Amino acid sequence: MTDNNWQPCPEGEIESLASGLRDRAHRRSMFLSTVAVGTLLLLTGFTIVVNLPRPASAPIQMSITCTECLELYNEYSGGHLSKDKKHAVESHLSHCPYCREQYKTKQNRKKGEA
């Protein structure tokens, strides 16, 4: 069985298709290059941040909740906390008006009992 319905492509059709394919390949190449450069920049930035020197004297930051801060009142007022925990309580009190007020109230009660 032969197909006699074949017709030649219109003039310029093959060149148009080839040009479209070249453009598509070029856009894909540019996209992949952009992704590669972006990935490289992210990895470089991450490596720099991770390897930044940290001062040896920088204190360890311990954040504590209000509940923890209030539970540590007796140890704090008695001077029985480690240096790090004492710093964490003082840091919390410097930023938390509620706990600061609770500590003052407890101190006043303690003075009144004495």
Protein backbone atom coordinates (compact mmCIF):
# COMPACT_ATOMS: atom_id res chain seq x y z
CA MET A 1 0.00 0.00 0.00
CA THR A 2 1.52 3.30 -1.04
CA ASP A 3 0.60 6.68 0.31
CA ASN A 4 0.30 9.13 -2.53
CA ASN A 5 -0.88 11.98 -0.30
CA TRP A 6 2.63 13.14 0.53
CA GLN A 7 3.31 16.80 -0.21
CA PRO A 8 6.52 18.75 0.16
CA CYS A 9 6.78 21.19 3.10
CA PRO A 10 6.01 24.80 2.32
CA GLU A 11 9.07 26.89 1.60
CA GLY A 12 10.85 28.01 4.78
CA GLU A 13 8.97 25.57 7.06
CA ILE A 14 12.02 23.42 7.86
CA GLU A 15 14.16 26.49 8.55
CA SER A 16 11.45 27.85 10.85
CA LEU A 17 11.23 24.57 12.80
CA ALA A 18 15.03 24.36 13.08
CA SER A 19 15.21 27.96 14.31
CA GLY A 20 12.56 27.23 16.95
CA LEU A 21 14.48 24.19 18.15
CA ARG A 22 17.73 26.20 18.36
CA ASP A 23 15.96 28.91 20.39
CA ARG A 24 14.49 26.33 22.72
CA ALA A 25 17.88 24.67 23.22
CA HIS A 26 19.47 28.07 23.90
CA ARG A 27 16.82 28.99 26.52
CA ARG A 28 17.28 25.62 28.22
CA SER A 29 21.04 26.07 28.27
CA MET A 30 20.69 29.55 29.79
CA PHE A 31 18.27 28.24 32.42
CA LEU A 32 20.59 25.42 33.43
CA SER A 33 23.55 27.81 33.59
CA THR A 34 21.56 30.17 35.83
CA VAL A 35 20.57 27.31 38.15
CA ALA A 36 24.20 26.14 38.34
CA VAL A 37 25.50 29.63 39.17
CA GLY A 38 22.74 30.15 41.78
CA THR A 39 23.54 26.84 43.43
CA LEU A 40 27.24 27.66 43.48
CA LEU A 41 26.56 31.05 45.10
CA LEU A 42 24.31 29.49 47.75
CA LEU A 43 26.89 26.84 48.61
CA THR A 44 29.67 29.42 48.77
CA GLY A 45 27.62 31.64 51.07
CA PHE A 46 26.71 28.71 53.30
CA THR A 47 30.35 27.62 53.52
CA ILE A 48 31.44 31.13 54.48
CA VAL A 49 28.77 31.45 57.18
CA VAL A 50 29.49 28.04 58.66
CA ASN A 51 33.22 28.70 58.81
CA LEU A 52 33.07 32.19 60.31
CA PRO A 53 35.30 32.39 63.37
CA ARG A 54 33.51 32.66 66.67
CA PRO A 55 35.15 34.46 69.58
CA ALA A 56 36.13 32.04 72.31
CA SER A 57 34.90 34.44 74.96
CA ALA A 58 31.38 34.69 73.52
CA PRO A 59 28.92 33.50 76.17
CA ILE A 60 26.63 30.62 75.38
CA GLN A 61 23.15 31.99 74.87
CA MET A 62 20.58 30.06 76.86
CA SER A 63 17.05 31.20 76.36
CA ILE A 64 14.58 30.18 79.00
CA THR A 65 10.82 30.48 79.25
CA CYS A 66 8.93 32.49 81.85
CA THR A 67 8.00 29.26 83.64
CA GLU A 68 11.64 28.18 83.85
CA CYS A 69 12.71 31.64 84.98
CA LEU A 70 10.15 31.71 87.79
CA GLU A 71 11.02 28.16 88.88
CA LEU A 72 14.67 29.22 89.24
CA TYR A 73 13.89 32.12 91.60
CA ASN A 74 14.95 30.38 94.83
CA GLU A 75 18.20 29.07 93.34
CA TYR A 76 18.91 32.47 91.75
CA SER A 77 18.23 34.48 94.91
CA GLY A 78 20.31 32.01 96.94
CA GLY A 79 23.23 32.22 94.52
CA HIS A 80 23.10 28.51 93.69
CA LEU A 81 22.90 28.72 89.88
CA SER A 82 25.67 27.93 87.44
CA LYS A 83 27.20 30.87 85.62
CA ASP A 84 25.32 30.00 82.42
CA LYS A 85 21.94 29.62 84.11
CA LYS A 86 22.46 32.82 86.10
CA HIS A 87 23.23 34.63 82.84
CA ALA A 88 20.11 33.09 81.23
CA VAL A 89 17.90 34.27 84.11
CA GLU A 90 19.40 37.77 84.06
CA SER A 91 19.05 37.96 80.29
CA HIS A 92 15.42 36.87 80.53
CA LEU A 93 14.68 39.37 83.29
CA SER A 94 16.21 42.18 81.25
CA HIS A 95 13.69 41.52 78.46
CA CYS A 96 10.60 40.30 80.33
CA PRO A 97 8.68 42.84 82.42
CA TYR A 98 6.32 40.15 83.76
CA CYS A 99 9.10 38.01 85.26
CA ARG A 100 10.94 41.09 86.49
CA GLU A 101 7.80 42.13 88.41
CA GLN A 102 7.35 38.60 89.78
CA TYR A 103 10.95 38.57 91.04
CA LYS A 104 10.47 41.97 92.71
CA THR A 105 7.25 40.78 94.36
CA LYS A 106 8.98 37.63 95.66
CA GLN A 107 11.92 39.71 96.94
CA ASN A 108 9.54 42.08 98.76
CA ARG A 109 7.69 39.14 100.35
CA LYS A 110 10.99 37.65 101.45
CA LYS A 111 12.05 40.97 103.03
CA GLY A 112 8.66 41.25 104.76
CA GLU A 113 9.02 37.77 106.25
CA ALA A 114 12.46 38.50 107.64
